[in-house]
C-alpha atoms as a PDB file:
ATOM      1  CA  MET A   1     -60.965 -18.567-131.401  1.00  0.00           C
ATOM      2  CA  ALA A   2     -58.046 -20.353-133.545  1.00  0.00           C
ATOM      3  CA  SER A   3     -54.912 -21.806-131.592  1.00  0.00           C
ATOM      4  CA  VAL A   4     -51.504 -21.338-132.929  1.00  0.00           C
ATOM      5  CA  ASN A   5     -48.469 -23.110-132.085  1.00  0.00           C
ATOM      6  CA  VAL A   6     -45.635 -21.474-130.528  1.00  0.00           C
ATOM      7  CA  THR A   7     -42.271 -22.848-130.101  1.00  0.00           C
ATOM      8  CA  ILE A   8     -40.018 -21.376-127.584  1.00  0.00           C
ATOM      9  CA  ARG A   9     -36.185 -22.366-126.288  1.00  0.00           C
ATOM     10  CA  MET A  10     -35.366 -22.734-122.697  1.00  0.00           C
ATOM     11  CA  ASP A  11     -32.886 -24.939-120.756  1.00  0.00           C
ATOM     12  CA  GLU A  12     -33.894 -28.389-120.419  1.00  0.00           C
ATOM     13  CA  LYS A  13     -33.106 -28.395-116.728  1.00  0.00           C
ATOM     14  CA  LEU A  14     -35.543 -25.275-116.347  1.00  0.00           C
ATOM     15  CA  ARG A  15     -38.180 -27.020-118.389  1.00  0.00           C
ATOM     16  CA  LYS A  16     -38.486 -29.978-116.179  1.00  0.00           C
ATOM     17  CA  GLN A  17     -38.541 -28.177-113.151  1.00  0.00           C
ATOM     18  CA  GLY A  18     -41.032 -26.012-114.313  1.00  0.00           C
ATOM     19  CA  ALA A  19     -43.212 -29.050-115.826  1.00  0.00           C
ATOM     20  CA  LEU A  20     -43.205 -30.525-111.888  1.00  0.00           C
ATOM     21  CA  LEU A  21     -44.027 -27.563-110.349  1.00  0.00           C
ATOM     22  CA  PHE A  22     -47.337 -26.553-112.549  1.00  0.00           C
ATOM     23  CA  ASP A  23     -48.210 -30.518-112.440  1.00  0.00           C
ATOM     24  CA  GLU A  24     -48.015 -29.895-108.665  1.00  0.00           C
ATOM     25  CA  LEU A  25     -50.301 -26.889-109.462  1.00  0.00           C
ATOM     26  CA  GLY A  26     -52.636 -28.982-111.465  1.00  0.00           C
ATOM     27  CA  MET A  27     -51.733 -27.468-114.960  1.00  0.00           C
ATOM     28  CA  GLY A  28     -48.947 -28.086-117.798  1.00  0.00           C
ATOM     29  CA  LEU A  29     -46.397 -25.902-118.630  1.00  0.00           C
ATOM     30  CA  ASN A  30     -48.631 -24.697-121.911  1.00  0.00           C
ATOM     31  CA  GLN A  31     -51.291 -23.779-119.950  1.00  0.00           C
ATOM     32  CA  ALA A  32     -48.843 -21.933-117.385  1.00  0.00           C
ATOM     33  CA  ILE A  33     -46.965 -20.281-120.117  1.00  0.00           C
ATOM     34  CA  THR A  34     -50.808 -18.978-121.862  1.00  0.00           C
ATOM     35  CA  ILE A  35     -51.704 -17.904-118.176  1.00  0.00           C
ATOM     36  CA  PHE A  36     -48.805 -15.513-118.094  1.00  0.00           C
ATOM     37  CA  VAL A  37     -48.844 -14.168-121.156  1.00  0.00           C
ATOM     38  CA  LYS A  38     -52.975 -13.458-120.511  1.00  0.00           C
ATOM     39  CA  GLN A  39     -52.206 -11.443-117.113  1.00  0.00           C
ATOM     40  CA  ALA A  40     -49.118 -10.105-119.651  1.00  0.00           C
ATOM     41  CA  VAL A  41     -51.826  -8.771-121.817  1.00  0.00           C
ATOM     42  CA  ARG A  42     -54.317  -7.615-119.183  1.00  0.00           C
ATOM     43  CA  GLU A  43     -51.626  -5.600-117.448  1.00  0.00           C
ATOM     44  CA  GLN A  44     -49.369  -4.468-120.045  1.00  0.00           C
ATOM     45  CA  ARG A  45     -46.744  -5.669-118.300  1.00  0.00           C
ATOM     46  CA  ILE A  46     -44.742  -8.120-116.794  1.00  0.00           C
ATOM     47  CA  PRO A  47     -47.252  -9.740-114.309  1.00  0.00           C
ATOM     48  CA  PHE A  48     -44.635  -9.442-111.197  1.00  0.00           C
ATOM     49  CA  ILE A  49     -41.142  -7.991-110.527  1.00  0.00           C
ATOM     50  CA  ILE A  50     -38.103  -9.459-111.896  1.00  0.00           C
ATOM     51  CA  SER A  51     -34.824  -9.325-109.737  1.00  0.00           C
ATOM     52  CA  ASN A  52     -31.582 -11.026-109.618  1.00  0.00           C
ATOM     53  CA  VAL A  53     -30.256 -11.812-106.336  1.00  0.00           C
ATOM     54  CA  PRO A  54     -26.763 -10.478-106.110  1.00  0.00           C
ATOM     55  CA  ASN A  55     -23.715 -12.701-106.232  1.00  0.00           C
ATOM     56  CA  LYS A  56     -20.798 -12.721-103.774  1.00  0.00           C
ATOM     57  CA  ASP A  57     -18.797 -10.362-105.627  1.00  0.00           C
ATOM     58  CA  THR A  58     -21.699  -8.229-106.267  1.00  0.00           C
ATOM     59  CA  LEU A  59     -22.651  -7.790-102.561  1.00  0.00           C
ATOM     60  CA  GLU A  60     -18.683  -6.941-101.479  1.00  0.00           C
ATOM     61  CA  ALA A  61     -18.841  -4.560-104.051  1.00  0.00           C
ATOM     62  CA  PHE A  62     -21.935  -2.666-102.666  1.00  0.00           C
ATOM     63  CA  ASN A  63     -20.381  -3.061 -98.778  1.00  0.00           C
ATOM     64  CA  GLU A  64     -16.989  -1.441-100.665  1.00  0.00           C
ATOM     65  CA  VAL A  65     -18.949   1.283-101.940  1.00  0.00           C
ATOM     66  CA  GLU A  66     -20.870   1.793 -98.492  1.00  0.00           C
ATOM     67  CA  LYS A  67     -17.271   2.077 -96.645  1.00  0.00           C
ATOM     68  CA  ILE A  68     -16.279   4.473 -99.213  1.00  0.00           C
ATOM     69  CA  LYS A  69     -19.391   6.710 -98.952  1.00  0.00           C
ATOM     70  CA  GLN A  70     -18.948   6.525 -94.893  1.00  0.00           C
ATOM     71  CA  GLY A  71     -15.122   8.030 -95.321  1.00  0.00           C
ATOM     72  CA  ASP A  72     -13.251   4.847 -94.593  1.00  0.00           C
ATOM     73  CA  LYS A  73      -9.773   6.122 -95.367  1.00  0.00           C
ATOM     74  CA  THR A  74      -8.741   2.192 -96.500  1.00  0.00           C
ATOM     75  CA  TYR A  75      -9.618   3.699 -99.998  1.00  0.00           C
ATOM     76  CA  THR A  76      -7.885   6.371-102.178  1.00  0.00           C
ATOM     77  CA  ARG A  77     -10.458   8.877-103.180  1.00  0.00           C
ATOM     78  CA  TYR A  78      -9.753  11.087-106.313  1.00  0.00           C
ATOM     79  CA  ASP A  79     -10.769  14.714-107.437  1.00  0.00           C
ATOM     80  CA  ASN A  80     -10.672  14.066-110.629  1.00  0.00           C
ATOM     81  CA  VAL A  81      -9.907  11.021-113.513  1.00  0.00           C
ATOM     82  CA  ASP A  82      -6.071  12.209-114.670  1.00  0.00           C
ATOM     83  CA  ASN A  83      -5.290  12.158-110.757  1.00  0.00           C
ATOM     84  CA  MET A  84      -6.548   8.414-110.470  1.00  0.00           C
ATOM     85  CA  ILE A  85      -4.564   7.460-113.799  1.00  0.00           C
ATOM     86  CA  LYS A  86      -1.373   8.891-112.775  1.00  0.00           C
ATOM     87  CA  ASP A  87      -1.752   7.048-109.630  1.00  0.00           C
ATOM     88  CA  ILE A  88      -2.535   3.779-111.112  1.00  0.00           C
ATOM     89  CA  LEU A  89       0.160   4.448-113.647  1.00  0.00           C
ATOM     90  CA  LYS A  90       2.668   4.799-110.980  1.00  0.00           C
END
């Protein structure tokens, strides 16, 4: 099977970190990327769960929503958008 060159752009720090990791695992960055693509094609999906760890502000927002859902009276609840806008524009 013929090989082709593929050019990708990534953050230099990430490339260095990846190269170090894959070197420790006994392969190069090119081989690791090829393994990833083969597995994705085999499974017809990204072969792992992609998730983001929420930052501090997002976690605080989640906690605030939970408090509101539990009936915390610190937060004003509105029956409709018009009442909310009137309150905001006071």
